[in-house]
Structures are given as C-alpha cells and as structure tokens.
C-alpha atoms as a PDB file:
ATOM      1  CA  MET A   1     199.009 210.381 113.267  1.00  0.00           C
ATOM      2  CA  GLU A   2     198.427 208.095 110.157  1.00  0.00           C
ATOM      3  CA  ILE A   3     195.178 207.219 108.078  1.00  0.00           C
ATOM      4  CA  ASN A   4     194.840 205.002 105.686  1.00  0.00           C
ATOM      5  CA  ILE A   5     191.622 205.292 104.063  1.00  0.00           C
ATOM      6  CA  GLY A   6     191.176 202.653 100.744  1.00  0.00           C
ATOM      7  CA  GLU A   7     194.114 204.084  98.142  1.00  0.00           C
ATOM      8  CA  THR A   8     194.773 207.258 100.207  1.00  0.00           C
ATOM      9  CA  HIS A   9     197.673 207.040 102.900  1.00  0.00           C
ATOM     10  CA  ILE A  10     197.737 210.164 104.871  1.00  0.00           C
ATOM     11  CA  ARG A  11     200.663 211.209 107.294  1.00  0.00           C
ATOM     12  CA  LEU A  12     199.784 213.885 109.266  1.00  0.00           C
ATOM     13  CA  GLU A  13     201.601 216.493 111.812  1.00  0.00           C
ATOM     14  CA  SER A  14     199.306 219.261 112.974  1.00  0.00           C
ATOM     15  CA  ASP A  15     198.985 221.618 116.379  1.00  0.00           C
ATOM     16  CA  LEU A  16     195.021 220.516 116.156  1.00  0.00           C
ATOM     17  CA  SER A  17     194.016 217.430 118.218  1.00  0.00           C
ATOM     18  CA  ASN A  18     190.340 217.184 117.629  1.00  0.00           C
ATOM     19  CA  HIS A  19     189.950 217.897 114.117  1.00  0.00           C
ATOM     20  CA  GLY A  20     187.776 215.508 112.625  1.00  0.00           C
ATOM     21  CA  LEU A  21     189.716 215.184 109.423  1.00  0.00           C
ATOM     22  CA  MET A  22     189.316 211.206 108.815  1.00  0.00           C
ATOM     23  CA  ASP A  23     185.432 211.998 108.623  1.00  0.00           C
ATOM     24  CA  TYR A  24     186.258 214.525 105.908  1.00  0.00           C
ATOM     25  CA  ILE A  25     188.644 212.275 104.170  1.00  0.00           C
ATOM     26  CA  TYR A  26     185.834 209.936 103.704  1.00  0.00           C
ATOM     27  CA  THR A  27     183.230 212.466 102.413  1.00  0.00           C
ATOM     28  CA  ILE A  28     185.455 213.952  99.694  1.00  0.00           C
ATOM     29  CA  ARG A  29     186.566 210.312  98.912  1.00  0.00           C
ATOM     30  CA  SER A  30     182.850 209.311  98.656  1.00  0.00           C
ATOM     31  CA  ASP A  31     182.562 212.570  96.731  1.00  0.00           C
ATOM     32  CA  LEU A  32     185.130 211.484  94.102  1.00  0.00           C
ATOM     33  CA  LYS A  33     184.141 207.820  94.420  1.00  0.00           C
ATOM     34  CA  SER A  34     180.488 208.677  93.123  1.00  0.00           C
ATOM     35  CA  TYR A  35     181.663 211.199  90.351  1.00  0.00           C
ATOM     36  CA  ILE A  36     183.609 208.400  89.188  1.00  0.00           C
ATOM     37  CA  ARG A  37     180.862 206.006  88.572  1.00  0.00           C
ATOM     38  CA  HIS A  38     179.436 207.937  86.024  1.00  0.00           C
ATOM     39  CA  ASN A  39     182.458 209.408  84.820  1.00  0.00           C
ATOM     40  CA  GLN A  40     184.770 206.952  83.308  1.00  0.00           C
ATOM     41  CA  ASP A  41     186.812 209.296  81.143  1.00  0.00           C
ATOM     42  CA  PHE A  42     187.554 211.288  84.501  1.00  0.00           C
ATOM     43  CA  LEU A  43     189.358 208.102  85.672  1.00  0.00           C
ATOM     44  CA  LEU A  44     190.514 206.879  82.412  1.00  0.00           C
ATOM     45  CA  SER A  45     192.077 209.719  80.640  1.00  0.00           C
ATOM     46  CA  PHE A  46     195.623 210.917  80.295  1.00  0.00           C
ATOM     47  CA  ASN A  47     194.567 214.466  79.221  1.00  0.00           C
ATOM     48  CA  PRO A  48     192.753 217.396  80.160  1.00  0.00           C
ATOM     49  CA  ILE A  49     189.232 217.132  80.039  1.00  0.00           C
ATOM     50  CA  VAL A  50     187.157 220.118  79.777  1.00  0.00           C
ATOM     51  CA  CYS A  51     184.148 219.883  81.979  1.00  0.00           C
ATOM     52  CA  ASP A  52     181.251 222.983  81.778  1.00  0.00           C
ATOM     53  CA  ASP A  53     179.256 221.683  84.974  1.00  0.00           C
ATOM     54  CA  GLU A  54     179.270 223.907  87.617  1.00  0.00           C
ATOM     55  CA  ASP A  55     177.743 221.729  90.073  1.00  0.00           C
ATOM     56  CA  LEU A  56     180.518 219.448  91.035  1.00  0.00           C
ATOM     57  CA  PRO A  57     181.901 218.176  94.493  1.00  0.00           C
ATOM     58  CA  LEU A  58     185.234 220.821  95.511  1.00  0.00           C
ATOM     59  CA  ILE A  59     187.612 217.822  94.735  1.00  0.00           C
ATOM     60  CA  VAL A  60     186.236 217.058  91.541  1.00  0.00           C
ATOM     61  CA  GLN A  61     186.336 220.409  90.480  1.00  0.00           C
ATOM     62  CA  ARG A  62     189.776 221.116  91.870  1.00  0.00           C
ATOM     63  CA  MET A  63     191.264 218.485  89.736  1.00  0.00           C
ATOM     64  CA  TYR A  64     189.448 219.480  86.544  1.00  0.00           C
ATOM     65  CA  GLU A  65     191.386 222.811  87.246  1.00  0.00           C
ATOM     66  CA  SER A  66     194.762 221.800  87.895  1.00  0.00           C
ATOM     67  CA  SER A  67     194.859 218.829  85.122  1.00  0.00           C
ATOM     68  CA  LEU A  68     193.964 221.722  82.692  1.00  0.00           C
ATOM     69  CA  LEU A  69     196.561 223.783  83.955  1.00  0.00           C
ATOM     70  CA  ALA A  70     199.142 221.165  83.749  1.00  0.00           C
ATOM     71  CA  ASP A  71     197.639 219.156  80.669  1.00  0.00           C
ATOM     72  CA  VAL A  72     197.397 216.077  82.353  1.00  0.00           C
ATOM     73  CA  GLY A  73     194.890 213.758  83.044  1.00  0.00           C
ATOM     74  CA  PRO A  74     192.146 214.680  86.417  1.00  0.00           C
ATOM     75  CA  MET A  75     193.894 211.747  88.158  1.00  0.00           C
ATOM     76  CA  ALA A  76     197.428 212.912  87.753  1.00  0.00           C
ATOM     77  CA  CYS A  77     195.932 215.242  90.734  1.00  0.00           C
ATOM     78  CA  VAL A  78     194.219 213.219  92.724  1.00  0.00           C
ATOM     79  CA  ALA A  79     197.060 212.629  95.679  1.00  0.00           C
ATOM     80  CA  GLY A  80     197.631 216.184  96.039  1.00  0.00           C
ATOM     81  CA  THR A  81     194.358 217.568  95.469  1.00  0.00           C
ATOM     82  CA  ILE A  82     193.422 215.138  98.724  1.00  0.00           C
ATOM     83  CA  SER A  83     196.326 216.511 100.414  1.00  0.00           C
ATOM     84  CA  GLU A  84     195.461 220.219  99.426  1.00  0.00           C
ATOM     85  CA  LEU A  85     191.686 219.863 100.566  1.00  0.00           C
ATOM     86  CA  CYS A  86     192.825 218.477 103.772  1.00  0.00           C
ATOM     87  CA  LEU A  87     194.860 221.253 104.710  1.00  0.00           C
ATOM     88  CA  ASP A  88     192.610 224.108 103.739  1.00  0.00           C
ATOM     89  CA  TYR A  89     189.950 222.159 106.062  1.00  0.00           C
ATOM     90  CA  LEU A  90     192.423 222.082 108.885  1.00  0.00           C
ATOM     91  CA  ILE A  91     193.324 225.774 108.281  1.00  0.00           C
ATOM     92  CA  ARG A  92     189.686 226.441 108.239  1.00  0.00           C
ATOM     93  CA  GLN A  93     189.483 224.587 111.797  1.00  0.00           C
ATOM     94  CA  GLY A  94     192.128 226.970 113.402  1.00  0.00           C
ATOM     95  CA  SER A  95     195.946 225.624 112.308  1.00  0.00           C
ATOM     96  CA  VAL A  96     198.758 227.363 111.785  1.00  0.00           C
ATOM     97  CA  PHE A  97     201.075 224.424 111.654  1.00  0.00           C
ATOM     98  CA  SER A  98     199.776 221.333 109.442  1.00  0.00           C
ATOM     99  CA  ILE A  99     201.796 218.879 107.116  1.00  0.00           C
ATOM    100  CA  VAL A 100     199.320 216.655 105.453  1.00  0.00           C
ATOM    101  CA  GLU A 101     201.681 213.863 103.462  1.00  0.00           C
ATOM    102  CA  ASN A 102     199.853 211.716 100.993  1.00  0.00           C
ATOM    103  CA  GLY A 103     201.598 209.174  99.222  1.00  0.00           C
ATOM    104  CA  GLY A 104     204.640 211.725  98.987  1.00  0.00           C
ATOM    105  CA  ASP A 105     202.844 214.435  97.896  1.00  0.00           C
ATOM    106  CA  ILE A 106     203.081 217.535 100.770  1.00  0.00           C
ATOM    107  CA  ALA A 107     200.299 220.480 101.594  1.00  0.00           C
ATOM    108  CA  LEU A 108     201.677 222.272 104.888  1.00  0.00           C
ATOM    109  CA  VAL A 109     201.382 225.485 106.382  1.00  0.00           C
ATOM    110  CA  ASN A 110     204.180 226.055 108.924  1.00  0.00           C
ATOM    111  CA  ASN A 111     204.368 228.854 111.536  1.00  0.00           C
ATOM    112  CA  HIS A 112     208.230 227.442 112.676  1.00  0.00           C
ATOM    113  CA  ARG A 113     211.318 225.832 110.235  1.00  0.00           C
ATOM    114  CA  VAL A 114     210.309 222.365 108.779  1.00  0.00           C
ATOM    115  CA  LEU A 115     212.893 220.444 106.900  1.00  0.00           C
ATOM    116  CA  CYS A 116     211.003 218.199 103.719  1.00  0.00           C
ATOM    117  CA  GLY A 117     212.931 215.286 102.648  1.00  0.00           C
ATOM    118  CA  ILE A 118     213.907 214.755  99.048  1.00  0.00           C
ATOM    119  CA  TYR A 119     213.371 210.732  98.505  1.00  0.00           C
ATOM    120  CA  SER A 120     215.091 210.416  95.024  1.00  0.00           C
ATOM    121  CA  GLY A 121     216.680 206.587  95.420  1.00  0.00           C
ATOM    122  CA  ASN A 122     219.327 208.285  93.539  1.00  0.00           C
ATOM    123  CA  GLU A 123     222.579 206.670  94.269  1.00  0.00           C
ATOM    124  CA  VAL A 124     224.786 209.718  94.031  1.00  0.00           C
ATOM    125  CA  LEU A 125     222.669 211.632  95.723  1.00  0.00           C
ATOM    126  CA  GLY A 126     221.118 209.262  97.937  1.00  0.00           C
ATOM    127  CA  ASN A 127     218.352 210.331 100.683  1.00  0.00           C
ATOM    128  CA  ASN A 128     219.863 212.290 102.631  1.00  0.00           C
ATOM    129  CA  ILE A 129     218.810 215.709 101.507  1.00  0.00           C
ATOM    130  CA  ALA A 130     215.272 217.691 102.166  1.00  0.00           C
ATOM    131  CA  PHE A 131     214.496 220.914 101.755  1.00  0.00           C
ATOM    132  CA  GLU A 132     214.517 223.719 104.374  1.00  0.00           C
ATOM    133  CA  ILE A 133     211.262 225.440 104.550  1.00  0.00           C
ATOM    134  CA  LYS A 134     211.310 228.489 106.436  1.00  0.00           C
ATOM    135  CA  LYS A 135     208.217 230.150 108.617  1.00  0.00           C
ATOM    136  CA  ARG A 136     204.823 230.901 106.338  1.00  0.00           C
ATOM    137  CA  ASN A 137     201.558 231.909 107.346  1.00  0.00           C
ATOM    138  CA  SER A 138     200.349 230.724 103.588  1.00  0.00           C
ATOM    139  CA  PRO A 139     199.976 227.082 102.218  1.00  0.00           C
ATOM    140  CA  LEU A 140     202.409 225.389 100.150  1.00  0.00           C
ATOM    141  CA  GLY A 141     202.412 222.391  98.036  1.00  0.00           C
ATOM    142  CA  ILE A 142     205.265 219.891  97.672  1.00  0.00           C
ATOM    143  CA  CYS A 143     204.735 216.962  94.896  1.00  0.00           C
ATOM    144  CA  SER A 144     206.690 214.760  93.192  1.00  0.00           C
ATOM    145  CA  SER A 145     206.989 211.809  90.338  1.00  0.00           C
ATOM    146  CA  SER A 146     209.423 209.771  89.435  1.00  0.00           C
ATOM    147  CA  GLY A 147     209.350 207.038  86.413  1.00  0.00           C
ATOM    148  CA  LYS A 148     211.435 204.477  88.971  1.00  0.00           C
ATOM    149  CA  ILE A 149     209.528 204.586  92.506  1.00  0.00           C
ATOM    150  CA  GLY A 150     205.854 204.375  93.564  1.00  0.00           C
ATOM    151  CA  HIS A 151     202.815 203.325  91.758  1.00  0.00           C
ATOM    152  CA  SER A 152     202.093 206.427  89.949  1.00  0.00           C
ATOM    153  CA  ILE A 153     202.473 206.223  85.796  1.00  0.00           C
ATOM    154  CA  SER A 154     204.857 208.225  84.477  1.00  0.00           C
ATOM    155  CA  PHE A 155     206.104 208.381  80.922  1.00  0.00           C
ATOM    156  CA  GLY A 156     209.734 209.632  82.099  1.00  0.00           C
ATOM    157  CA  GLY A 157     212.945 207.871  83.379  1.00  0.00           C
ATOM    158  CA  SER A 158     213.417 210.355  86.323  1.00  0.00           C
ATOM    159  CA  ASP A 159     214.508 209.295  89.674  1.00  0.00           C
ATOM    160  CA  CYS A 160     212.480 212.164  90.990  1.00  0.00           C
ATOM    161  CA  VAL A 161     210.965 215.365  89.815  1.00  0.00           C
ATOM    162  CA  THR A 162     209.723 217.625  92.567  1.00  0.00           C
ATOM    163  CA  VAL A 163     207.023 221.174  92.172  1.00  0.00           C
ATOM    164  CA  VAL A 164     206.831 223.628  94.526  1.00  0.00           C
ATOM    165  CA  SER A 165     204.041 225.790  94.265  1.00  0.00           C
ATOM    166  CA  ASP A 166     201.365 227.701  96.299  1.00  0.00           C
ATOM    167  CA  SER A 167     198.541 224.829  95.136  1.00  0.00           C
ATOM    168  CA  CYS A 168     199.388 220.793  96.024  1.00  0.00           C
ATOM    169  CA  SER A 169     196.865 220.021  93.781  1.00  0.00           C
ATOM    170  CA  LEU A 170     198.741 222.314  90.927  1.00  0.00           C
ATOM    171  CA  SER A 171     202.473 220.610  91.985  1.00  0.00           C
ATOM    172  CA  ASP A 172     200.826 217.449  91.938  1.00  0.00           C
ATOM    173  CA  GLY A 173     199.499 217.328  88.218  1.00  0.00           C
ATOM    174  CA  LEU A 174     202.866 219.382  86.916  1.00  0.00           C
ATOM    175  CA  ALA A 175     205.135 216.935  88.139  1.00  0.00           C
ATOM    176  CA  THR A 176     203.387 213.748  86.546  1.00  0.00           C
ATOM    177  CA  ARG A 177     203.835 216.081  83.090  1.00  0.00           C
ATOM    178  CA  ILE A 178     207.189 217.389  83.528  1.00  0.00           C
ATOM    179  CA  ALA A 179     208.507 214.110  84.561  1.00  0.00           C
ATOM    180  CA  ASN A 180     206.843 212.658  81.541  1.00  0.00           C
ATOM    181  CA  ASP A 181     209.382 214.329  79.164  1.00  0.00           C
ATOM    182  CA  VAL A 182     212.471 213.091  81.077  1.00  0.00           C
ATOM    183  CA  SER A 183     213.367 211.452  78.332  1.00  0.00           C
ATOM    184  CA  GLY A 184     216.503 211.391  75.697  1.00  0.00           C
ATOM    185  CA  ASP A 185     219.692 209.345  74.878  1.00  0.00           C
ATOM    186  CA  ASP A 186     221.765 210.468  78.499  1.00  0.00           C
ATOM    187  CA  SER A 187     220.771 211.361  81.972  1.00  0.00           C
ATOM    188  CA  GLU A 188     222.134 215.158  80.721  1.00  0.00           C
ATOM    189  CA  SER A 189     219.493 215.371  78.005  1.00  0.00           C
ATOM    190  CA  LYS A 190     216.825 213.933  79.866  1.00  0.00           C
ATOM    191  CA  VAL A 191     217.338 216.493  82.536  1.00  0.00           C
ATOM    192  CA  PHE A 192     217.323 219.553  79.828  1.00  0.00           C
ATOM    193  CA  ASN A 193     214.157 218.343  78.106  1.00  0.00           C
ATOM    194  CA  ALA A 194     212.556 218.000  81.186  1.00  0.00           C
ATOM    195  CA  LEU A 195     213.529 221.557  82.152  1.00  0.00           C
ATOM    196  CA  GLU A 196     212.428 222.985  78.787  1.00  0.00           C
ATOM    197  CA  THR A 197     208.947 221.817  79.388  1.00  0.00           C
ATOM    198  CA  ALA A 198     208.976 222.925  83.066  1.00  0.00           C
ATOM    199  CA  ASP A 199     209.600 226.622  81.422  1.00  0.00           C
ATOM    200  CA  GLU A 200     206.380 226.166  79.417  1.00  0.00           C
ATOM    201  CA  TYR A 201     204.879 226.153  82.829  1.00  0.00           C
ATOM    202  CA  SER A 202     206.751 228.623  84.811  1.00  0.00           C
ATOM    203  CA  ASP A 203     204.053 231.298  85.675  1.00  0.00           C
ATOM    204  CA  LEU A 204     202.581 228.527  87.563  1.00  0.00           C
ATOM    205  CA  PHE A 205     205.087 227.296  90.124  1.00  0.00           C
ATOM    206  CA  SER A 206     207.986 228.484  92.702  1.00  0.00           C
ATOM    207  CA  GLY A 207     210.541 225.837  91.629  1.00  0.00           C
ATOM    208  CA  VAL A 208     211.258 222.449  89.646  1.00  0.00           C
ATOM    209  CA  LEU A 209     214.239 220.038  90.592  1.00  0.00           C
ATOM    210  CA  VAL A 210     214.517 217.640  88.294  1.00  0.00           C
ATOM    211  CA  ILE A 211     216.829 214.501  89.384  1.00  0.00           C
ATOM    212  CA  CYS A 212     218.079 211.574  86.651  1.00  0.00           C
ATOM    213  CA  ASP A 213     220.912 209.379  87.406  1.00  0.00           C
ATOM    214  CA  ASP A 214     224.007 211.569  87.614  1.00  0.00           C
ATOM    215  CA  ASN A 215     222.522 214.690  86.525  1.00  0.00           C
ATOM    216  CA  VAL A 216     220.629 217.314  88.679  1.00  0.00           C
ATOM    217  CA  GLY A 217     218.837 220.548  87.199  1.00  0.00           C
ATOM    218  CA  SER A 218     216.431 223.270  88.470  1.00  0.00           C
ATOM    219  CA  VAL A 219     214.733 226.044  87.504  1.00  0.00           C
ATOM    220  CA  GLY A 220     212.749 228.690  89.335  1.00  0.00           C
ATOM    221  CA  LYS A 221     213.226 229.480  92.937  1.00  0.00           C
ATOM    222  CA  LEU A 222     213.284 226.468  95.152  1.00  0.00           C
ATOM    223  CA  PRO A 223     213.524 226.429  99.008  1.00  0.00           C
ATOM    224  CA  ARG A 224     217.097 226.091 100.816  1.00  0.00           C
ATOM    225  CA  ILE A 225     218.357 222.411 100.113  1.00  0.00           C
ATOM    226  CA  VAL A 226     220.199 221.102 102.894  1.00  0.00           C
ATOM    227  CA  GLU A 227     222.377 217.874 103.741  1.00  0.00           C
ATOM    228  CA  THR A 228     220.307 215.528 106.480  1.00  0.00           C
ATOM    229  CA  SER A 229     221.022 213.107 109.188  1.00  0.00           C
ATOM    230  CA  GLN A 230     219.505 210.172 110.758  1.00  0.00           C
ATOM    231  CA  PHE A 231     218.655 212.636 114.018  1.00  0.00           C
ATOM    232  CA  ASP A 232     216.509 215.004 111.704  1.00  0.00           C
ATOM    233  CA  VAL A 233     212.840 214.598 111.342  1.00  0.00           C
ATOM    234  CA  CYS A 234     211.825 214.910 107.714  1.00  0.00           C
ATOM    235  CA  TYR A 235     208.524 214.854 106.220  1.00  0.00           C
END
C-alpha cells in the first residue's frame, strides 16, 4: 500500500487492513505545518534547538528530542519521525507486523524474517544486498543518508550511511549527522572520519554502515547482510 500526502511518501506493509493510517498522517502533518508557520527556526536550522515548551504536538516534540541527541537541525529527523509515529500508531491498533517506509526511512516491527534492502548506488556493491531482520516484537528504525542520492541535504560525500537503532526518528538524525562527516582526501579517509564521528554516538544506536566508493566500514552490531536477487521482496 502507498500513501502520498504532500512531501510524505509512505510505502506500507501491515497485518492490519482497516487501520486509518492516512487520517493519522494528515493529523500529524497538520500539527507540524501549524507549528512551523510560527517557528521558522524549527524549519531552517541546521543545528539543534533547545525548546522548553512542554505543550507541543507529539511530532514536534519527538523531532526536538532526536535532533538534540544527534546534533542536527529538527527537520533532519522529519521523515524518520513520521515513520516512527506511524508505526507506533499501528502497534496501538494491535499490529505485530508492520513496515513503514517514508522516503527510505524505515520503522518496523516484524513477527517473521524480512529483508531490508540497502540501496546505495555503489558501483562495487550494487543494490543487491540487504539486512536480514530476524523476528522481533519491538520497534526498529533503519534510516539512511547520502551525499549522492535523494533530495535531503548532506554535507558529506557518502554513497550511503545507514543507522540502525530502536528509534527511527533518532536513526534519521544520526544518519544525517554521520553522513555529514564523510569527508577527506580519498574514500578510505572519508569512511574512517565518518566512523570516528559514529563512535561519539555509539550509545544511541545498534550499528552503522558507511559506504563510499570502494570502501565500506561499520561500527556496532548490524543485522546480517545478505545478497539478494530480483525474486526477493525487499523493503
């Protein structure tokens, strides 16, 4: 199932059918847009913003929290936050298997094995690899940032930086933060510098994968990486 509302492009796989997710997305998007109209710094800042207001819409509050932890601007967490809130909504409806992908940022809970594709556009690896996500009954967030693919702003030169954590909102912010430091004289130094940055946030994620040209690096514990074929269903 696909849900397209403005800048939000959801691809959904769920064990629920009559979930009403579209209405929920309209609600949280309306909350966010209303807040931004009166708080332009929230929209434009590349740096985290401290906000002491306790009476905030949930989506805004979550974006503030994740951006502070990841040292990025709040909007760096928007896609992952929407995915995370959608998954939380579906879990409240009783779902034990839902995958919410919003522009490549994935929040999921899965009661059986799934494959999550790693699409980096890398000439060496291609796009035929995936994370094998084993059965789990708690949410997982898998988010990527790239200096070469997509419309998101990245100050680094990665093919792909992917962060896996318990929070899709936080994974989104961390992917941006780490990808910004994929810089150096060659791809080896670019990957090394990004992994050094990742180490500074190691208590916030399960694992990080950095792909840049002919070098790949990782830190933490990632799901098993497997080769895929055209017949595999990946998310």
